[in-house]
Amino acid sequence: MPIAVNMVELYEIIKRIAQSKDLITYEDLSQAYKVETGDDIHRRQWGSWLGQLSGRCTDAGLPPISTVVVSDTDKLPGDGYWGIPGAPPYKDYNAWKVVCDQVYSATWPSILP
């Protein structure tokens, strides 16, 4: 049975990355999440959780926070990112950079939106 992801902890991890104007790989996210919660989430299992988290953010008028979670290989978000609300409709580096800048300049609430 899959582990339910603690969305508050996931938000806190990614919020720190966004506030530091940095990126985090799926693998590093898995490691950071394990440190915070003790739960193992494989790097390929983040898609739906990140989509839910970004959906909560865009519903609150914020950019999709999962923009800063990227692949080790091409340093871009995975296939499930493109086309979610607030994200570019297709894999485009320049459009993604614009959304990254929005994420970096956003004022992230102290609690999960």
Protein backbone atom coordinates (compact mmCIF):
# COMPACT_ATOMS: atom_id res chain seq x y z
CA MET A 1 0.00 0.00 0.00
CA PRO A 2 1.46 3.40 -0.97
CA ILE A 3 2.43 5.86 1.73
CA ALA A 4 0.34 9.00 1.99
CA VAL A 5 2.59 12.00 1.54
CA ASN A 6 2.58 14.61 4.29
CA MET A 7 1.67 17.67 2.20
CA VAL A 8 2.69 20.09 4.95
CA GLU A 9 6.22 18.65 5.05
CA LEU A 10 6.40 18.51 1.25
CA TYR A 11 5.38 22.18 1.06
CA GLU A 12 7.95 23.16 3.70
CA ILE A 13 10.78 21.43 1.82
CA ILE A 14 9.91 22.94 -1.54
CA LYS A 15 9.13 26.36 -0.03
CA ARG A 16 12.68 26.49 1.37
CA ILE A 17 14.05 25.73 -2.11
CA ALA A 18 11.84 28.40 -3.71
CA GLN A 19 12.80 30.99 -1.11
CA SER A 20 16.49 30.27 -1.67
CA LYS A 21 15.92 30.69 -5.44
CA ASP A 22 17.27 27.24 -6.12
CA LEU A 23 16.21 23.95 -7.73
CA ILE A 24 15.89 20.47 -6.25
CA THR A 25 16.05 17.16 -8.11
CA TYR A 26 13.44 14.46 -7.57
CA GLU A 27 16.14 12.32 -5.97
CA ASP A 28 17.18 15.08 -3.56
CA LEU A 29 13.52 15.73 -2.76
CA SER A 30 13.14 12.06 -1.84
CA GLN A 31 16.17 12.29 0.43
CA ALA A 32 15.03 15.54 2.08
CA TYR A 33 11.54 14.12 2.59
CA LYS A 34 12.99 10.99 4.22
CA VAL A 35 15.07 13.14 6.60
CA GLU A 36 11.97 15.16 7.56
CA THR A 37 9.44 12.32 7.82
CA GLY A 38 11.29 9.01 7.84
CA ASP A 39 9.21 7.90 4.83
CA ASP A 40 10.73 6.58 1.59
CA ILE A 41 9.18 8.01 -1.57
CA HIS A 42 10.87 6.92 -4.78
CA ARG A 43 11.91 9.80 -7.04
CA ARG A 44 9.53 8.60 -9.76
CA GLN A 45 6.51 8.71 -7.43
CA TRP A 46 6.34 12.47 -6.87
CA GLY A 47 4.22 13.40 -9.91
CA SER A 48 0.71 13.29 -8.48
CA TRP A 49 1.77 14.72 -5.11
CA LEU A 50 3.58 17.62 -6.74
CA GLY A 51 0.58 18.23 -8.99
CA GLN A 52 -1.71 18.37 -5.95
CA LEU A 53 0.64 20.72 -4.14
CA SER A 54 0.96 23.04 -7.12
CA GLY A 55 -2.82 22.94 -7.55
CA ARG A 56 -3.28 24.17 -4.01
CA CYS A 57 -0.82 26.96 -4.71
CA THR A 58 -2.42 28.08 -7.97
CA ASP A 59 -5.89 27.92 -6.35
CA ALA A 60 -4.50 30.41 -3.80
CA GLY A 61 -3.25 32.73 -6.56
CA LEU A 62 0.38 31.60 -6.36
CA PRO A 63 2.56 30.08 -9.09
CA PRO A 64 2.97 26.29 -9.24
CA ILE A 65 5.61 25.61 -6.58
CA SER A 66 6.64 22.29 -8.15
CA THR A 67 8.34 24.34 -10.89
CA VAL A 68 11.57 24.10 -8.86
CA VAL A 69 11.59 20.27 -8.76
CA VAL A 70 13.64 19.02 -11.69
CA SER A 71 15.21 15.97 -13.28
CA ASP A 72 18.87 15.15 -12.71
CA THR A 73 19.43 14.75 -16.43
CA ASP A 74 17.98 17.85 -18.12
CA LYS A 75 17.32 20.09 -15.08
CA LEU A 76 13.67 20.53 -16.12
CA PRO A 77 10.48 19.30 -14.46
CA GLY A 78 9.14 15.89 -15.45
CA ASP A 79 6.45 15.20 -18.03
CA GLY A 80 3.58 15.54 -15.55
CA TYR A 81 4.45 19.19 -14.86
CA TRP A 82 3.86 20.60 -18.33
CA GLY A 83 0.32 21.83 -18.77
CA ILE A 84 -0.70 21.91 -15.10
CA PRO A 85 -2.32 25.24 -14.11
CA GLY A 86 0.26 28.02 -14.14
CA ALA A 87 2.90 25.95 -15.96
CA PRO A 88 3.87 26.17 -19.64
CA PRO A 89 1.67 23.95 -21.84
CA TYR A 90 4.66 22.07 -23.25
CA LYS A 91 8.34 21.55 -22.50
CA ASP A 92 9.92 24.93 -23.19
CA TYR A 93 13.00 26.09 -21.28
CA ASN A 94 12.38 29.83 -21.71
CA ALA A 95 8.73 29.61 -20.64
CA TRP A 96 9.75 27.45 -17.65
CA LYS A 97 12.37 30.06 -16.63
CA VAL A 98 9.62 32.72 -16.54
CA VAL A 99 7.58 30.55 -14.15
CA CYS A 100 10.73 29.87 -12.07
CA ASP A 101 11.16 33.62 -11.65
CA GLN A 102 7.51 33.87 -10.53
CA VAL A 103 8.10 31.11 -7.98
CA TYR A 104 11.28 32.78 -6.75
CA SER A 105 9.62 36.18 -6.33
CA ALA A 106 6.38 34.91 -4.73
CA THR A 107 5.65 35.54 -1.09
CA TRP A 108 5.04 32.03 0.18
CA PRO A 109 2.64 31.71 3.10
CA SER A 110 4.01 30.27 6.31
CA ILE A 111 1.37 27.53 6.20
CA LEU A 112 0.30 25.31 3.32
CA PRO A 113 -2.24 27.14 1.13
